[in-house]
C-alpha cells in the first residue's frame, strides 16, 4: 500500500468481546481512540517487504473492560507493543495482534484518505 494516510475503523474481537476503534494514519504517525476511552498513539513504517511495522502505546482508563475478558485495575494502565501487518491488510478478514492482555483480531477498514 503506497499511501497509508487516512482515517480507519478497526473492528476488534477478543476472547470475550468486541470493540471498535477509530484510527488516523498520517505521515508515519498513528493515533486513535475506542469507545471505552482507550487511547492509541504510535508510529508505523513500511519495511523492505512492504509490511507495516507498528509501534503502539495503548493507554487504558481505570476499570476498563477489554475484549480479551479482563478488566484494568483502579489505576490507569498503559503498555507499548510492536506488531507487523501485511501490505494487503485491508483485503484480509482480520489481522491477529498479540497484546499485553491476550490476542486480538483486528479488521481494518479505510474510511477516507487524508489529502495533504
N, C-alpha and C. Protein backbone atom coordinates (compact mmCIF):
# COMPACT_ATOMS: atom_id res chain seq x y z
N UNK A 1 0.86 -1.18 0.00
CA UNK A 1 0.00 0.00 0.00
C UNK A 1 0.89 1.23 0.00
N UNK A 2 0.74 2.06 -0.99
CA UNK A 2 1.63 3.21 -1.13
C UNK A 2 1.27 4.36 -0.19
N UNK A 3 0.00 4.68 -0.07
CA UNK A 3 -0.42 5.80 0.75
C UNK A 3 -1.29 5.32 1.90
N UNK A 4 -0.69 5.24 3.08
CA UNK A 4 -1.43 4.80 4.26
C UNK A 4 -2.21 5.94 4.91
N UNK A 5 -1.85 7.19 4.59
CA UNK A 5 -2.52 8.32 5.24
C UNK A 5 -4.02 8.20 5.08
N UNK A 6 -4.73 8.26 6.22
CA UNK A 6 -6.17 8.17 6.16
C UNK A 6 -6.80 7.94 7.51
N UNK A 7 -8.13 7.92 7.51
CA UNK A 7 -8.92 7.61 8.69
C UNK A 7 -9.43 6.19 8.53
N UNK A 8 -9.25 5.38 9.56
CA UNK A 8 -9.59 3.97 9.53
C UNK A 8 -10.51 3.61 10.69
N UNK A 9 -11.34 2.62 10.46
CA UNK A 9 -12.03 1.97 11.56
C UNK A 9 -11.33 0.63 11.77
N UNK A 10 -11.28 0.20 13.02
CA UNK A 10 -10.71 -1.10 13.35
C UNK A 10 -11.72 -1.82 14.22
N UNK A 11 -12.19 -2.94 13.74
CA UNK A 11 -13.15 -3.76 14.47
C UNK A 11 -12.38 -4.84 15.21
N UNK A 12 -12.50 -4.87 16.51
CA UNK A 12 -11.73 -5.77 17.35
C UNK A 12 -12.59 -6.93 17.84
N UNK A 13 -11.98 -8.09 17.94
CA UNK A 13 -12.64 -9.20 18.62
C UNK A 13 -11.58 -9.92 19.44
N UNK A 14 -11.98 -10.29 20.64
CA UNK A 14 -11.09 -10.98 21.55
C UNK A 14 -11.79 -12.17 22.16
N UNK A 15 -11.20 -12.71 23.19
CA UNK A 15 -11.69 -13.92 23.85
C UNK A 15 -13.14 -13.79 24.30
N UNK A 16 -13.53 -12.60 24.75
CA UNK A 16 -14.88 -12.50 25.30
C UNK A 16 -15.63 -11.22 24.91
N UNK A 17 -15.20 -10.57 23.84
CA UNK A 17 -15.93 -9.37 23.46
C UNK A 17 -15.47 -8.80 22.14
N UNK A 18 -16.14 -7.71 21.78
CA UNK A 18 -15.83 -6.99 20.56
C UNK A 18 -15.67 -5.52 20.87
N UNK A 19 -14.97 -4.81 20.00
CA UNK A 19 -14.76 -3.39 20.20
C UNK A 19 -14.61 -2.67 18.87
N UNK A 20 -14.52 -1.36 18.96
CA UNK A 20 -14.42 -0.51 17.78
C UNK A 20 -13.45 0.62 18.06
N UNK A 21 -12.53 0.85 17.13
CA UNK A 21 -11.51 1.90 17.28
C UNK A 21 -11.52 2.78 16.03
N UNK A 22 -11.38 4.07 16.22
CA UNK A 22 -11.13 5.00 15.12
C UNK A 22 -9.65 5.34 15.16
N UNK A 23 -8.99 5.21 14.00
CA UNK A 23 -7.56 5.45 13.89
C UNK A 23 -7.25 6.44 12.77
N UNK A 24 -6.21 7.22 12.97
CA UNK A 24 -5.69 8.09 11.92
C UNK A 24 -4.24 7.69 11.68
N UNK A 25 -3.95 7.31 10.43
CA UNK A 25 -2.58 7.07 9.97
C UNK A 25 -2.19 8.33 9.20
N UNK A 26 -1.11 8.97 9.62
CA UNK A 26 -0.70 10.18 8.92
C UNK A 26 0.80 10.39 9.05
N UNK A 27 1.48 10.36 7.91
CA UNK A 27 2.91 10.66 7.84
C UNK A 27 3.72 9.89 8.89
N UNK A 28 3.52 8.58 8.92
CA UNK A 28 4.24 7.66 9.80
C UNK A 28 3.84 7.78 11.27
N UNK A 29 2.78 8.51 11.57
CA UNK A 29 2.25 8.61 12.94
C UNK A 29 0.87 7.98 12.98
N UNK A 30 0.53 7.42 14.13
CA UNK A 30 -0.74 6.73 14.30
C UNK A 30 -1.36 7.20 15.61
N UNK A 31 -2.65 7.54 15.56
CA UNK A 31 -3.36 7.94 16.76
C UNK A 31 -4.80 7.47 16.67
N UNK A 32 -5.40 7.21 17.82
CA UNK A 32 -6.79 6.76 17.81
C UNK A 32 -7.37 6.66 19.19
N UNK A 33 -8.65 6.28 19.22
CA UNK A 33 -9.39 6.12 20.47
C UNK A 33 -10.51 5.12 20.24
N UNK A 34 -10.89 4.40 21.30
CA UNK A 34 -12.02 3.49 21.16
C UNK A 34 -13.18 3.95 22.03
N UNK A 35 -14.27 3.23 21.93
CA UNK A 35 -15.49 3.65 22.62
C UNK A 35 -15.39 3.52 24.13
N UNK A 36 -14.39 2.77 24.62
CA UNK A 36 -14.19 2.62 26.06
C UNK A 36 -13.21 3.62 26.64
N UNK A 37 -12.70 4.54 25.81
CA UNK A 37 -11.76 5.55 26.29
C UNK A 37 -10.31 5.13 26.22
N UNK A 38 -10.02 4.00 25.60
CA UNK A 38 -8.63 3.59 25.42
C UNK A 38 -8.02 4.46 24.32
N UNK A 39 -6.80 4.93 24.56
CA UNK A 39 -6.11 5.79 23.60
C UNK A 39 -4.95 5.04 22.97
N UNK A 40 -4.76 5.28 21.69
CA UNK A 40 -3.73 4.61 20.90
C UNK A 40 -2.84 5.68 20.27
N UNK A 41 -1.54 5.61 20.52
CA UNK A 41 -0.59 6.56 19.94
C UNK A 41 0.67 5.82 19.55
N UNK A 42 1.17 6.10 18.35
CA UNK A 42 2.38 5.42 17.94
C UNK A 42 2.87 5.85 16.58
N UNK A 43 3.63 4.95 15.98
CA UNK A 43 4.21 5.23 14.68
C UNK A 43 4.18 3.95 13.85
N UNK A 44 4.41 4.11 12.55
CA UNK A 44 4.47 2.97 11.65
C UNK A 44 5.45 3.27 10.54
N UNK A 45 5.96 2.22 9.94
CA UNK A 45 6.84 2.37 8.79
C UNK A 45 6.74 1.09 7.96
N UNK A 46 6.96 1.23 6.68
CA UNK A 46 6.98 0.07 5.82
C UNK A 46 8.40 -0.48 5.76
N UNK A 47 8.52 -1.80 5.91
CA UNK A 47 9.84 -2.41 5.82
C UNK A 47 10.17 -2.75 4.36
N UNK A 48 11.27 -3.40 4.14
CA UNK A 48 11.72 -3.72 2.78
C UNK A 48 10.76 -4.65 2.04
N UNK A 49 9.96 -5.42 2.79
CA UNK A 49 8.99 -6.34 2.19
C UNK A 49 7.60 -5.71 2.06
N UNK A 50 7.51 -4.40 2.27
CA UNK A 50 6.25 -3.64 2.19
C UNK A 50 5.28 -3.97 3.33
N UNK A 51 5.73 -4.71 4.33
CA UNK A 51 4.90 -4.92 5.51
C UNK A 51 4.96 -3.65 6.37
N UNK A 52 3.94 -3.44 7.18
CA UNK A 52 3.87 -2.24 8.01
C UNK A 52 4.21 -2.62 9.44
N UNK A 53 5.29 -2.05 9.94
CA UNK A 53 5.73 -2.29 11.31
C UNK A 53 5.16 -1.18 12.17
N UNK A 54 4.35 -1.58 13.15
CA UNK A 54 3.65 -0.63 14.01
C UNK A 54 4.22 -0.70 15.42
N UNK A 55 4.54 0.45 15.99
CA UNK A 55 4.90 0.57 17.40
C UNK A 55 3.80 1.41 18.03
N UNK A 56 3.11 0.85 19.02
CA UNK A 56 1.90 1.47 19.52
C UNK A 56 1.87 1.47 21.04
N UNK A 57 1.58 2.63 21.62
CA UNK A 57 1.33 2.73 23.05
C UNK A 57 -0.17 2.72 23.24
N UNK A 58 -0.64 1.81 24.09
CA UNK A 58 -2.06 1.67 24.38
C UNK A 58 -2.27 2.11 25.82
N UNK A 59 -3.10 3.14 26.03
CA UNK A 59 -3.34 3.71 27.36
C UNK A 59 -4.78 3.42 27.77
N UNK A 60 -4.93 2.62 28.82
CA UNK A 60 -6.25 2.21 29.30
C UNK A 60 -6.72 3.10 30.45
N UNK A 61 -8.00 3.47 30.47
CA UNK A 61 -8.54 4.18 31.63
C UNK A 61 -8.75 3.19 32.78
N UNK A 62 -8.98 3.68 33.98
CA UNK A 62 -9.26 2.78 35.10
C UNK A 62 -10.52 1.95 34.85
N UNK A 63 -10.50 0.72 35.33
CA UNK A 63 -11.66 -0.18 35.32
C UNK A 63 -12.26 -0.42 33.94
N UNK A 64 -11.43 -0.45 32.93
CA UNK A 64 -11.91 -0.69 31.57
C UNK A 64 -12.05 -2.20 31.33
N UNK A 65 -13.16 -2.61 30.73
CA UNK A 65 -13.37 -4.00 30.35
C UNK A 65 -12.84 -4.19 28.93
N UNK A 66 -11.90 -5.10 28.76
CA UNK A 66 -11.23 -5.30 27.48
C UNK A 66 -11.82 -6.48 26.73
N UNK A 67 -11.65 -6.50 25.42
CA UNK A 67 -12.21 -7.57 24.59
C UNK A 67 -11.59 -8.93 24.93
N UNK A 68 -10.45 -8.94 25.59
CA UNK A 68 -9.83 -10.19 25.99
C UNK A 68 -10.47 -10.78 27.24
N UNK A 69 -11.43 -10.06 27.84
CA UNK A 69 -12.13 -10.58 29.00
C UNK A 69 -11.54 -10.18 30.34
N UNK A 70 -10.61 -9.25 30.35
CA UNK A 70 -10.03 -8.78 31.61
C UNK A 70 -10.44 -7.32 31.82
N UNK A 71 -10.37 -6.90 33.06
CA UNK A 71 -10.67 -5.52 33.41
C UNK A 71 -9.40 -4.90 33.98
N UNK A 72 -9.13 -3.67 33.55
CA UNK A 72 -7.98 -2.97 34.13
C UNK A 72 -8.30 -2.63 35.58
N UNK A 73 -7.30 -2.33 36.34
CA UNK A 73 -7.49 -2.04 37.75
C UNK A 73 -7.98 -0.62 38.00
N UNK A 74 -7.95 -0.21 39.26
CA UNK A 74 -8.44 1.11 39.62
C UNK A 74 -7.55 2.26 39.15
N UNK A 75 -6.34 1.92 38.71
CA UNK A 75 -5.43 2.93 38.18
C UNK A 75 -5.37 2.81 36.66
N UNK A 76 -5.11 3.90 35.98
CA UNK A 76 -4.89 3.85 34.54
C UNK A 76 -3.66 2.98 34.25
N UNK A 77 -3.63 2.40 33.08
CA UNK A 77 -2.54 1.50 32.71
C UNK A 77 -2.16 1.77 31.26
N UNK A 78 -0.92 1.51 30.92
CA UNK A 78 -0.51 1.63 29.52
C UNK A 78 0.61 0.65 29.25
N UNK A 79 0.76 0.32 28.00
CA UNK A 79 1.88 -0.52 27.57
C UNK A 79 2.16 -0.25 26.10
N UNK A 80 3.34 -0.65 25.71
CA UNK A 80 3.73 -0.48 24.31
C UNK A 80 3.85 -1.85 23.67
N UNK A 81 3.36 -1.95 22.44
CA UNK A 81 3.52 -3.18 21.71
C UNK A 81 3.98 -2.89 20.30
N UNK A 82 4.60 -3.90 19.72
CA UNK A 82 5.04 -3.78 18.34
C UNK A 82 4.52 -4.98 17.58
N UNK A 83 3.99 -4.72 16.40
CA UNK A 83 3.49 -5.80 15.57
C UNK A 83 3.63 -5.41 14.11
N UNK A 84 3.53 -6.40 13.25
CA UNK A 84 3.67 -6.19 11.81
C UNK A 84 2.38 -6.60 11.13
N UNK A 85 1.94 -5.77 10.20
CA UNK A 85 0.75 -6.12 9.42
C UNK A 85 1.16 -6.17 7.94
N UNK A 86 0.58 -7.11 7.20
CA UNK A 86 0.95 -7.22 5.79
C UNK A 86 0.48 -6.01 4.98
N UNK A 87 1.14 -5.79 3.86
CA UNK A 87 0.80 -4.66 2.99
C UNK A 87 -0.65 -4.72 2.52
N UNK A 88 -1.20 -5.91 2.37
CA UNK A 88 -2.58 -6.06 1.90
C UNK A 88 -3.58 -6.20 3.06
N UNK A 89 -3.28 -5.60 4.21
CA UNK A 89 -4.10 -5.77 5.41
C UNK A 89 -5.57 -5.39 5.20
N UNK A 90 -5.86 -4.47 4.30
CA UNK A 90 -7.25 -4.07 4.06
C UNK A 90 -8.05 -5.17 3.34
N UNK A 91 -7.37 -6.06 2.69
CA UNK A 91 -8.03 -7.14 1.97
C UNK A 91 -8.24 -8.39 2.82
N UNK A 92 -7.61 -8.43 3.99
CA UNK A 92 -7.67 -9.61 4.85
C UNK A 92 -8.91 -9.59 5.74
N UNK A 93 -9.42 -10.77 6.11
CA UNK A 93 -10.58 -10.81 7.01
C UNK A 93 -10.24 -10.24 8.39
N UNK A 94 -8.99 -10.42 8.83
CA UNK A 94 -8.53 -9.83 10.08
C UNK A 94 -7.01 -9.97 10.16
N UNK A 95 -6.43 -9.18 11.07
CA UNK A 95 -5.01 -9.27 11.40
C UNK A 95 -4.95 -9.61 12.89
N UNK A 96 -4.17 -10.62 13.24
CA UNK A 96 -4.05 -11.01 14.65
C UNK A 96 -2.92 -10.20 15.29
N UNK A 97 -3.23 -9.59 16.44
CA UNK A 97 -2.25 -8.81 17.19
C UNK A 97 -2.12 -9.42 18.58
N UNK A 98 -0.90 -9.73 18.96
CA UNK A 98 -0.63 -10.26 20.30
C UNK A 98 -0.44 -9.07 21.23
N UNK A 99 -1.41 -8.84 22.10
CA UNK A 99 -1.40 -7.69 23.00
C UNK A 99 -1.07 -8.14 24.44
N UNK A 100 -0.88 -7.20 25.31
CA UNK A 100 -0.50 -7.46 26.70
C UNK A 100 -1.48 -8.41 27.39
N UNK A 101 -2.76 -8.23 27.18
CA UNK A 101 -3.78 -8.99 27.89
C UNK A 101 -4.31 -10.18 27.09
N UNK A 102 -3.69 -10.46 25.95
CA UNK A 102 -4.11 -11.59 25.12
C UNK A 102 -4.29 -11.17 23.68
N UNK A 103 -4.48 -12.14 22.80
CA UNK A 103 -4.60 -11.84 21.37
C UNK A 103 -5.89 -11.10 21.02
N UNK A 104 -5.78 -10.28 19.98
CA UNK A 104 -6.93 -9.54 19.46
C UNK A 104 -6.91 -9.68 17.94
N UNK A 105 -8.06 -9.98 17.37
CA UNK A 105 -8.21 -9.98 15.92
C UNK A 105 -8.74 -8.63 15.50
N UNK A 106 -8.12 -8.03 14.48
CA UNK A 106 -8.46 -6.68 14.06
C UNK A 106 -8.81 -6.68 12.57
N UNK A 107 -9.98 -6.16 12.24
CA UNK A 107 -10.39 -5.95 10.85
C UNK A 107 -10.28 -4.45 10.58
N UNK A 108 -9.38 -4.07 9.68
CA UNK A 108 -9.18 -2.66 9.33
C UNK A 108 -10.02 -2.30 8.11
N UNK A 109 -10.61 -1.11 8.15
CA UNK A 109 -11.35 -0.57 7.01
C UNK A 109 -10.92 0.88 6.85
N UNK A 110 -10.45 1.23 5.65
CA UNK A 110 -10.08 2.62 5.40
C UNK A 110 -11.33 3.39 5.02
N UNK A 111 -11.64 4.42 5.80
CA UNK A 111 -12.86 5.21 5.59
C UNK A 111 -12.66 6.35 4.61
N UNK A 112 -11.46 6.96 4.68
CA UNK A 112 -11.17 8.06 3.75
C UNK A 112 -9.70 8.37 3.74
N UNK A 113 -9.25 8.93 2.64
CA UNK A 113 -7.88 9.40 2.51
C UNK A 113 -7.72 10.74 3.20
N UNK A 114 -6.49 11.05 3.57
CA UNK A 114 -6.16 12.39 4.03
C UNK A 114 -5.33 13.03 2.95
N UNK A 115 -5.79 14.12 2.43
CA UNK A 115 -5.07 14.82 1.37
C UNK A 115 -4.22 15.91 1.97
N UNK A 116 -2.94 15.84 1.69
CA UNK A 116 -2.01 16.86 2.21
C UNK A 116 -1.76 17.91 1.17
